């Protein structure tokens, strides 16, 4: 059933048919929201249809997505999403919280949240007959695109800043994408990608530029909705608060879009509170939020959390609204706090990259600032694996000692 009926500009509210535009609003460059036929979805499906699905991936939500079934049951494309939620009892106790969970997006096929967007964009590319899909990335979005594209034989080109972590660049190359390292920032790579797409007729996946990226990322909101239904007793009627790291703004705006879709269908009783976390050195969206404006002023981004290091966020307006319209806020954390968060999550069996640990660092800061109450149920989103950035991981925990192969040396380490 076709339920994708068009787009609406997030700035001027102009509506377009699916064939009239591809990326952003021609009038003002605003991000486009995908418009679904909620009446048709509501008539054809009920929440129980979703809850009873045996599909253990984001494709269980196909009725709520603006694309057709991509097929290929046994590919990484069909394995994105449906990530686990872990209860963090020890950290909850340390922070004086009653209930704390973490949704671990590092369990995705290429080990980051970005697989959700790339799975949907690659499926859209196949649907419209695009020969090449291109994106700009500091690593995760590119790896996600490269991996999803490789799984179905789709050509992919990735522009990444030359400063991207080597482990992320290795992923791009291993998946067989055409990789071009740009002597510049992520923002330089982003602009070059748009120019190349226009010049060569490629389909551009860029975050906050292609409206289908948010459609992929909103599937995490659907999973959180399902999880919350299953954990009603533990939530005890309290509103859920979600902490998410923010760079371009597309993840938090995607989550917001997912929850708004569910509300429009009448399937969600209460919108969760969304709290965005930015690094102090890359805080354009947080600055706008706290200034009470939707005007996003670029910064000169400097943070070890490369995945959220952005000079000019491309989905800033919707990211500001995601916090404001859910009674959330924005929290800033230092690079030192991010490293401490990596080290705090590790002993619980969670290996987070800097951008993923940023969300937990934001929770710690929020507790100290009194932005959450002890009784508030909290869910933290880890957006990527620590294996993506080993250099940062080693900064967080330090080097292991080297000893001679003797028991005396072991005793010395243990007792000294």
Protein backbone atom coordinates (compact mmCIF):
# COMPACT_ATOMS: atom_id res chain seq x y z
CA UNK A 1 0.00 0.00 0.00
CA UNK A 2 1.40 3.40 -1.03
CA UNK A 3 1.10 5.86 1.88
CA UNK A 4 3.84 8.34 0.88
CA UNK A 5 1.86 11.33 -0.40
CA UNK A 6 4.41 14.14 -0.45
CA UNK A 7 6.64 16.55 1.43
CA UNK A 8 6.13 19.62 3.60
CA UNK A 9 8.79 22.29 4.12
CA UNK A 10 9.70 22.62 7.80
CA UNK A 11 10.16 26.39 7.38
CA UNK A 12 7.50 27.76 5.02
CA UNK A 13 5.11 24.75 5.19
CA UNK A 14 4.83 24.57 1.39
CA UNK A 15 3.67 21.13 0.32
CA UNK A 16 5.01 19.16 -2.64
CA UNK A 17 4.08 15.97 -4.41
CA UNK A 18 6.63 13.13 -4.24
CA UNK A 19 7.82 13.81 -7.80
CA UNK A 20 8.16 17.58 -7.45
CA UNK A 21 11.24 17.75 -5.21
CA UNK A 22 14.04 15.48 -4.04
CA UNK A 23 16.04 17.12 -1.29
CA UNK A 24 15.19 20.53 0.24
CA UNK A 25 12.54 23.21 -0.30
CA UNK A 26 13.18 25.13 -3.55
CA UNK A 27 11.79 28.30 -1.96
CA UNK A 28 13.92 28.66 1.15
CA UNK A 29 16.18 25.59 1.39
CA UNK A 30 14.26 24.28 4.41
CA UNK A 31 14.38 20.62 5.39
CA UNK A 32 11.48 18.63 4.00
CA UNK A 33 9.26 16.46 6.19
CA UNK A 34 7.90 13.36 4.53
CA UNK A 35 4.09 13.40 4.61
CA UNK A 36 2.28 10.09 5.07
CA UNK A 37 -1.40 9.28 4.58
CA UNK A 38 -2.22 8.70 8.24
CA UNK A 39 -5.88 8.01 7.55
CA UNK A 40 -5.00 5.21 5.14
CA UNK A 41 -2.46 3.73 7.55
CA UNK A 42 -4.92 3.90 10.43
CA UNK A 43 -7.61 2.12 8.39
CA UNK A 44 -5.29 -0.61 7.14
CA UNK A 45 -3.22 -1.27 10.27
CA UNK A 46 -3.52 -1.40 14.03
CA UNK A 47 -0.74 -1.26 16.63
CA UNK A 48 -1.17 -4.97 17.23
CA UNK A 49 -0.24 -5.66 13.60
CA UNK A 50 3.16 -4.14 14.30
CA UNK A 51 3.57 -5.66 17.75
CA UNK A 52 2.80 -9.14 16.43
CA UNK A 53 5.37 -8.95 13.63
CA UNK A 54 8.13 -11.56 13.62
CA UNK A 55 10.45 -9.26 11.65
CA UNK A 56 13.40 -8.37 13.90
CA UNK A 57 14.66 -5.29 12.09
CA UNK A 58 13.46 -1.80 11.25
CA UNK A 59 11.46 -3.32 8.38
CA UNK A 60 8.77 -4.42 10.86
CA UNK A 61 7.66 -0.77 10.51
CA UNK A 62 7.31 -0.87 6.73
CA UNK A 63 3.65 0.30 6.93
CA UNK A 64 4.94 3.53 8.53
CA UNK A 65 7.74 4.12 6.02
CA UNK A 66 7.61 5.97 2.66
CA UNK A 67 9.27 3.16 0.69
CA UNK A 68 8.47 -0.23 -0.73
CA UNK A 69 9.75 -3.51 0.66
CA UNK A 70 13.41 -3.67 -0.48
CA UNK A 71 13.47 -7.48 -0.59
CA UNK A 72 16.72 -9.35 0.02
CA UNK A 73 15.80 -11.11 3.24
CA UNK A 74 19.31 -12.42 4.00
CA UNK A 75 21.38 -9.22 3.67
CA UNK A 76 22.74 -6.62 6.13
CA UNK A 77 20.18 -4.23 4.61
CA UNK A 78 17.50 -6.34 6.30
CA UNK A 79 19.38 -6.52 9.60
CA UNK A 80 19.39 -2.83 10.52
CA UNK A 81 17.56 -1.74 13.64
CA UNK A 82 15.81 -3.74 16.38
CA UNK A 83 18.73 -3.02 18.70
CA UNK A 84 18.72 -4.08 22.36
CA UNK A 85 17.91 -1.98 25.42
CA UNK A 86 19.98 -2.66 28.55
CA UNK A 87 19.18 -1.69 32.12
CA UNK A 88 22.07 0.20 33.79
CA UNK A 89 21.39 -0.49 37.46
CA UNK A 90 24.88 0.30 38.79
CA UNK A 91 25.11 3.63 37.00
CA UNK A 92 21.55 4.48 38.02
CA UNK A 93 22.53 3.92 41.64
CA UNK A 94 25.62 6.11 41.28
CA UNK A 95 23.54 8.92 39.80
CA UNK A 96 20.69 8.60 42.27
CA UNK A 97 18.22 7.57 39.57
CA UNK A 98 15.46 5.02 39.95
CA UNK A 99 15.39 3.77 36.35
CA UNK A 100 18.09 4.02 33.67
CA UNK A 101 18.36 2.19 30.36
CA UNK A 102 20.63 2.37 27.32
CA UNK A 103 19.65 1.51 23.75
CA UNK A 104 22.76 0.17 22.06
CA UNK A 105 22.93 1.14 18.40
CA UNK A 106 26.44 -0.29 18.07
CA UNK A 107 24.70 -3.64 17.43
CA UNK A 108 23.70 -2.50 13.92
CA UNK A 109 25.43 -4.22 10.94
CA UNK A 110 28.10 -1.51 10.49
CA UNK A 111 28.07 -0.69 14.22
CA UNK A 112 26.26 2.65 14.29
CA UNK A 113 22.84 4.30 14.34
CA UNK A 114 23.49 5.54 10.80
CA UNK A 115 22.57 2.12 9.37
CA UNK A 116 18.92 3.04 9.86
CA UNK A 117 19.10 6.04 7.55
CA UNK A 118 21.30 4.30 4.99
CA UNK A 119 19.07 1.22 4.80
CA UNK A 120 16.09 3.41 3.97
CA UNK A 121 17.99 5.70 1.57
CA UNK A 122 19.55 2.77 -0.30
CA UNK A 123 16.10 1.19 -0.61
CA UNK A 124 14.77 4.47 -1.97
CA UNK A 125 17.70 4.65 -4.41
CA UNK A 126 16.82 1.20 -5.74
CA UNK A 127 13.15 2.18 -5.98
CA UNK A 128 13.91 5.27 -8.13
CA UNK A 129 16.60 3.55 -10.18
CA UNK A 130 19.60 5.57 -8.97
CA UNK A 131 22.90 4.22 -10.30
CA UNK A 132 25.16 5.80 -7.65
CA UNK A 133 24.50 6.96 -4.09
CA UNK A 134 26.87 9.51 -2.58
CA UNK A 135 27.31 11.00 0.87
CA UNK A 136 29.59 13.16 3.00
CA UNK A 137 30.63 11.63 6.29
CA UNK A 138 33.13 11.72 9.12
CA UNK A 139 32.89 7.94 8.98
CA UNK A 140 29.70 6.41 10.38
CA UNK A 141 27.20 7.61 7.78
CA UNK A 142 29.67 6.68 5.05
CA UNK A 143 30.30 3.23 6.51
CA UNK A 144 26.57 2.68 6.84
CA UNK A 145 25.97 3.71 3.24
CA UNK A 146 28.90 1.64 1.99
CA UNK A 147 27.76 -1.43 3.89
CA UNK A 148 24.10 -1.21 2.97
CA UNK A 149 24.93 -0.46 -0.67
CA UNK A 150 27.43 -3.33 -0.87
CA UNK A 151 24.85 -5.77 0.44
CA UNK A 152 22.65 -5.26 -2.63
CA UNK A 153 25.30 -4.36 -5.23
CA UNK A 154 24.58 -0.61 -5.23
CA UNK A 155 27.43 1.72 -6.21
CA UNK A 156 28.45 4.19 -3.48
CA UNK A 157 30.82 7.16 -3.32
CA UNK A 158 31.93 8.62 0.02
CA UNK A 159 33.52 12.02 0.64
CA UNK A 160 35.17 12.11 4.09
CA UNK A 161 37.48 14.65 5.72
CA UNK A 162 41.06 13.37 5.76
CA UNK A 163 40.96 13.62 9.58
CA UNK A 164 38.33 10.86 9.85
CA UNK A 165 39.42 8.04 12.22
CA UNK A 166 41.36 5.34 10.32
CA UNK A 167 39.04 2.57 11.54
CA UNK A 168 36.09 4.33 9.92
CA UNK A 169 37.95 4.91 6.66
CA UNK A 170 38.92 1.22 6.66
CA UNK A 171 35.25 0.28 6.83
CA UNK A 172 34.47 2.43 3.81
CA UNK A 173 37.21 0.78 1.78
CA UNK A 174 36.47 -2.77 2.91
CA UNK A 175 32.85 -2.43 1.80
CA UNK A 176 34.05 -1.48 -1.67
CA UNK A 177 32.87 2.12 -1.82
CA UNK A 178 34.73 4.74 -3.84
CA UNK A 179 36.34 6.84 -1.09
CA UNK A 180 37.64 10.38 -1.58
CA UNK A 181 39.32 12.03 1.42
CA UNK A 182 38.80 15.78 1.44
CA UNK A 183 41.50 18.15 2.67
CA UNK A 184 39.00 20.11 4.72
CA UNK A 185 36.17 19.81 7.25
CA UNK A 186 33.01 17.72 7.22
CA UNK A 187 31.17 20.82 6.05
CA UNK A 188 33.56 21.14 3.08
CA UNK A 189 32.92 17.48 2.23
CA UNK A 190 29.15 18.06 2.54
CA UNK A 191 29.16 20.96 0.08
CA UNK A 192 31.38 19.07 -2.36
CA UNK A 193 29.03 16.08 -2.21
CA UNK A 194 26.03 18.20 -3.16
CA UNK A 195 27.97 19.70 -6.07
CA UNK A 196 29.11 16.26 -7.28
CA UNK A 197 25.58 14.87 -7.06
CA UNK A 198 24.29 17.70 -9.20
CA UNK A 199 27.15 17.39 -11.68
CA UNK A 200 27.10 13.60 -12.14
CA UNK A 201 23.45 12.80 -11.47
CA UNK A 202 24.14 10.83 -8.30
CA UNK A 203 21.55 10.31 -5.56
CA UNK A 204 22.71 12.21 -2.47
CA UNK A 205 22.22 10.63 0.96
CA UNK A 206 23.57 13.60 2.94
CA UNK A 207 22.26 13.86 6.49
CA UNK A 208 19.70 16.62 6.94
CA UNK A 209 19.59 17.13 3.16
CA UNK A 210 17.89 13.98 1.95
CA UNK A 211 14.48 13.76 3.71
CA UNK A 212 14.63 9.97 3.76
CA UNK A 213 17.48 10.02 6.31
CA UNK A 214 15.11 11.18 9.04
CA UNK A 215 12.62 8.51 7.91
CA UNK A 216 15.23 5.85 8.62
CA UNK A 217 16.23 7.35 11.94
CA UNK A 218 12.63 7.65 13.13
CA UNK A 219 12.48 3.85 13.30
CA UNK A 220 14.39 4.04 16.60
CA UNK A 221 11.43 5.99 18.00
CA UNK A 222 9.11 3.18 16.90
CA UNK A 223 11.30 0.65 18.71
CA UNK A 224 11.36 2.78 21.86
CA UNK A 225 7.55 3.02 21.64
CA UNK A 226 7.28 -0.77 21.44
CA UNK A 227 9.76 -1.21 24.27
CA UNK A 228 7.86 1.25 26.47
CA UNK A 229 4.62 -0.66 25.90
CA UNK A 230 6.34 -3.82 27.10
CA UNK A 231 7.78 -2.04 30.15
CA UNK A 232 4.73 -0.12 31.31
CA UNK A 233 4.97 -1.54 34.79
CA UNK A 234 8.59 -0.43 35.22
CA UNK A 235 7.82 3.04 33.84
CA UNK A 236 4.95 3.34 36.35
CA UNK A 237 3.15 5.96 34.32
CA UNK A 238 6.15 8.31 34.32
CA UNK A 239 7.10 10.12 31.13
CA UNK A 240 10.24 8.74 29.49
CA UNK A 241 13.21 11.09 29.00
CA UNK A 242 15.62 10.29 26.17
CA UNK A 243 19.21 11.59 25.96
CA UNK A 244 20.73 11.71 22.48
CA UNK A 245 23.97 13.15 21.13
CA UNK A 246 23.52 15.85 18.49
CA UNK A 247 25.73 16.96 15.60
CA UNK A 248 23.86 17.76 12.39
CA UNK A 249 20.59 17.38 14.31
CA UNK A 250 19.14 14.63 12.15
CA UNK A 251 18.97 11.90 14.78
CA UNK A 252 17.02 13.91 17.33
CA UNK A 253 14.75 15.33 14.62
CA UNK A 254 14.25 11.81 13.25
CA UNK A 255 13.25 10.53 16.70
CA UNK A 256 10.85 13.46 17.02
CA UNK A 257 9.34 12.67 13.60
CA UNK A 258 8.80 9.06 14.61
CA UNK A 259 6.99 9.98 17.79
CA UNK A 260 4.90 12.57 15.91
CA UNK A 261 3.92 9.91 13.37
CA UNK A 262 2.76 7.66 16.20
CA UNK A 263 0.79 10.50 17.79
CA UNK A 264 -0.86 11.35 14.47
CA UNK A 265 -1.99 7.74 14.23
CA UNK A 266 -3.33 7.84 17.78
CA UNK A 267 -0.92 5.10 18.84
CA UNK A 268 1.20 7.11 21.30
CA UNK A 269 -0.31 8.38 24.54
CA UNK A 270 2.48 10.70 25.64
CA UNK A 271 5.44 12.16 23.74
CA UNK A 272 8.78 11.33 25.42
CA UNK A 273 10.97 14.22 26.51
CA UNK A 274 13.97 14.67 24.21
CA UNK A 275 17.22 16.08 25.58
CA UNK A 276 19.97 16.81 23.07
CA UNK A 277 23.61 16.68 24.10
CA UNK A 278 26.33 18.55 22.23
CA UNK A 279 30.07 18.84 22.73
CA UNK A 280 31.08 22.26 23.99
CA UNK A 281 33.26 22.66 20.91
CA UNK A 282 30.43 21.90 18.48
CA UNK A 283 27.32 23.47 19.94
CA UNK A 284 25.57 25.50 17.23
CA UNK A 285 22.17 23.92 17.89
CA UNK A 286 22.43 24.20 21.67
CA UNK A 287 23.37 27.87 21.35
CA UNK A 288 20.28 28.53 19.22
CA UNK A 289 18.03 26.60 21.60
CA UNK A 290 19.19 28.49 24.68
CA UNK A 291 18.99 31.81 22.82
CA UNK A 292 15.33 31.06 22.11
CA UNK A 293 15.81 31.22 18.35
CA UNK A 294 15.71 28.94 15.33
CA UNK A 295 18.55 30.82 13.64
CA UNK A 296 21.50 28.44 13.56
CA UNK A 297 24.81 30.30 13.54
CA UNK A 298 27.83 28.27 12.40
CA UNK A 299 30.71 27.56 14.76
CA UNK A 300 34.27 26.40 14.25
CA UNK A 301 33.77 22.87 15.53
CA UNK A 302 36.47 21.37 17.75
CA UNK A 303 35.77 18.10 19.56
CA UNK A 304 37.22 14.60 19.71
CA UNK A 305 33.70 13.30 19.05
CA UNK A 306 34.14 13.41 15.28
CA UNK A 307 30.66 12.09 14.50
CA UNK A 308 29.07 15.19 16.05
CA UNK A 309 31.73 17.72 15.01
CA UNK A 310 29.83 20.06 12.71
CA UNK A 311 30.35 23.73 11.87
CA UNK A 312 26.91 24.32 10.35
CA UNK A 313 24.25 21.75 11.32
CA UNK A 314 22.08 20.87 8.33
CA UNK A 315 19.01 19.92 10.38
CA UNK A 316 19.34 22.51 13.11
CA UNK A 317 15.86 24.01 13.06
CA UNK A 318 14.08 20.70 13.45
CA UNK A 319 16.61 19.69 16.13
CA UNK A 320 15.80 22.82 18.13
CA UNK A 321 12.09 22.07 17.81
CA UNK A 322 12.55 18.44 18.87
CA UNK A 323 13.69 19.56 22.31
CA UNK A 324 11.42 22.60 22.59
CA UNK A 325 8.21 20.82 21.55
CA UNK A 326 8.80 17.92 23.95
CA UNK A 327 9.70 20.13 26.95
CA UNK A 328 13.28 18.95 26.61
CA UNK A 329 16.49 20.95 26.53
CA UNK A 330 20.11 20.93 25.38
CA UNK A 331 23.11 20.08 27.53
CA UNK A 332 26.77 20.82 26.76
CA UNK A 333 29.65 18.54 27.77
CA UNK A 334 33.42 18.80 27.51
CA UNK A 335 35.69 16.34 25.74
CA UNK A 336 36.99 15.24 29.16
CA UNK A 337 33.42 14.42 30.23
CA UNK A 338 32.95 12.41 27.03
CA UNK A 339 36.08 10.37 27.77
CA UNK A 340 34.87 9.78 31.33
CA UNK A 341 31.56 8.54 29.92
CA UNK A 342 33.35 6.04 27.66
CA UNK A 343 35.21 4.73 30.71
CA UNK A 344 32.01 4.58 32.80
CA UNK A 345 30.06 2.55 30.25
CA UNK A 346 32.86 0.07 29.53
CA UNK A 347 32.63 -1.89 32.83
CA UNK A 348 28.98 -2.57 32.01
CA UNK A 349 29.93 -4.26 28.74
CA UNK A 350 29.13 -1.26 26.53
CA UNK A 351 31.91 0.01 24.25
CA UNK A 352 30.82 3.43 23.00
CA UNK A 353 32.58 5.73 20.59
CA UNK A 354 32.89 9.40 21.67
CA UNK A 355 29.66 10.54 20.00
CA UNK A 356 27.76 7.63 21.54
CA UNK A 357 29.16 8.27 25.02
CA UNK A 358 28.26 11.95 24.69
CA UNK A 359 24.64 11.14 25.48
CA UNK A 360 25.58 9.50 28.78
CA UNK A 361 27.95 12.37 29.59
CA UNK A 362 24.97 14.67 29.05
CA UNK A 363 22.88 12.67 31.49
CA UNK A 364 25.58 12.98 34.16
CA UNK A 365 25.71 16.74 33.59
CA UNK A 366 21.89 16.97 33.63
CA UNK A 367 21.70 15.16 36.97
CA UNK A 368 24.20 17.58 38.49
CA UNK A 369 22.25 20.54 37.10
CA UNK A 370 18.93 19.22 38.39
CA UNK A 371 17.44 18.89 34.89
CA UNK A 372 16.04 15.43 35.66
CA UNK A 373 14.38 14.08 38.81
CA UNK A 374 15.44 10.88 40.59
CA UNK A 375 12.11 9.26 39.70
CA UNK A 376 12.28 10.10 35.97
CA UNK A 377 12.77 7.01 33.80
CA UNK A 378 15.76 7.72 31.55
CA UNK A 379 16.87 6.12 28.28
CA UNK A 380 20.30 6.95 26.83
CA UNK A 381 21.09 6.33 23.17
CA UNK A 382 24.55 4.96 22.35
CA UNK A 383 24.91 5.77 18.66
CA UNK A 384 28.08 3.87 17.78
CA UNK A 385 30.77 1.33 18.69
CA UNK A 386 34.02 2.25 20.38
CA UNK A 387 35.83 0.14 17.82
CA UNK A 388 35.20 3.05 15.44
CA UNK A 389 37.75 5.21 17.30
CA UNK A 390 40.35 3.24 19.23
CA UNK A 391 42.51 6.32 19.75
CA UNK A 392 39.78 8.00 21.79
CA UNK A 393 39.13 4.77 23.70
CA UNK A 394 42.77 4.59 24.77
CA UNK A 395 42.59 8.20 25.93
CA UNK A 396 39.68 7.20 28.13
CA UNK A 397 41.35 4.27 29.90
CA UNK A 398 45.11 4.54 29.34
CA UNK A 399 47.62 1.96 28.16
CA UNK A 400 47.92 -1.56 29.58
CA UNK A 401 51.19 -2.28 31.44
CA UNK A 402 53.83 -4.43 29.78
CA UNK A 403 55.46 -6.97 32.11
CA UNK A 404 58.05 -9.75 31.84
CA UNK A 405 56.58 -13.29 31.75
CA UNK A 406 57.06 -14.04 35.48
CA UNK A 407 54.75 -14.48 38.45
CA UNK A 408 56.90 -12.01 40.36
CA UNK A 409 55.98 -9.34 37.83
CA UNK A 410 52.29 -10.25 38.16
CA UNK A 411 52.48 -9.99 41.96
CA UNK A 412 54.17 -6.61 41.70
CA UNK A 413 51.37 -5.27 39.48
CA UNK A 414 48.64 -6.77 41.69
CA UNK A 415 49.95 -5.62 45.06
CA UNK A 416 51.78 -2.40 44.24
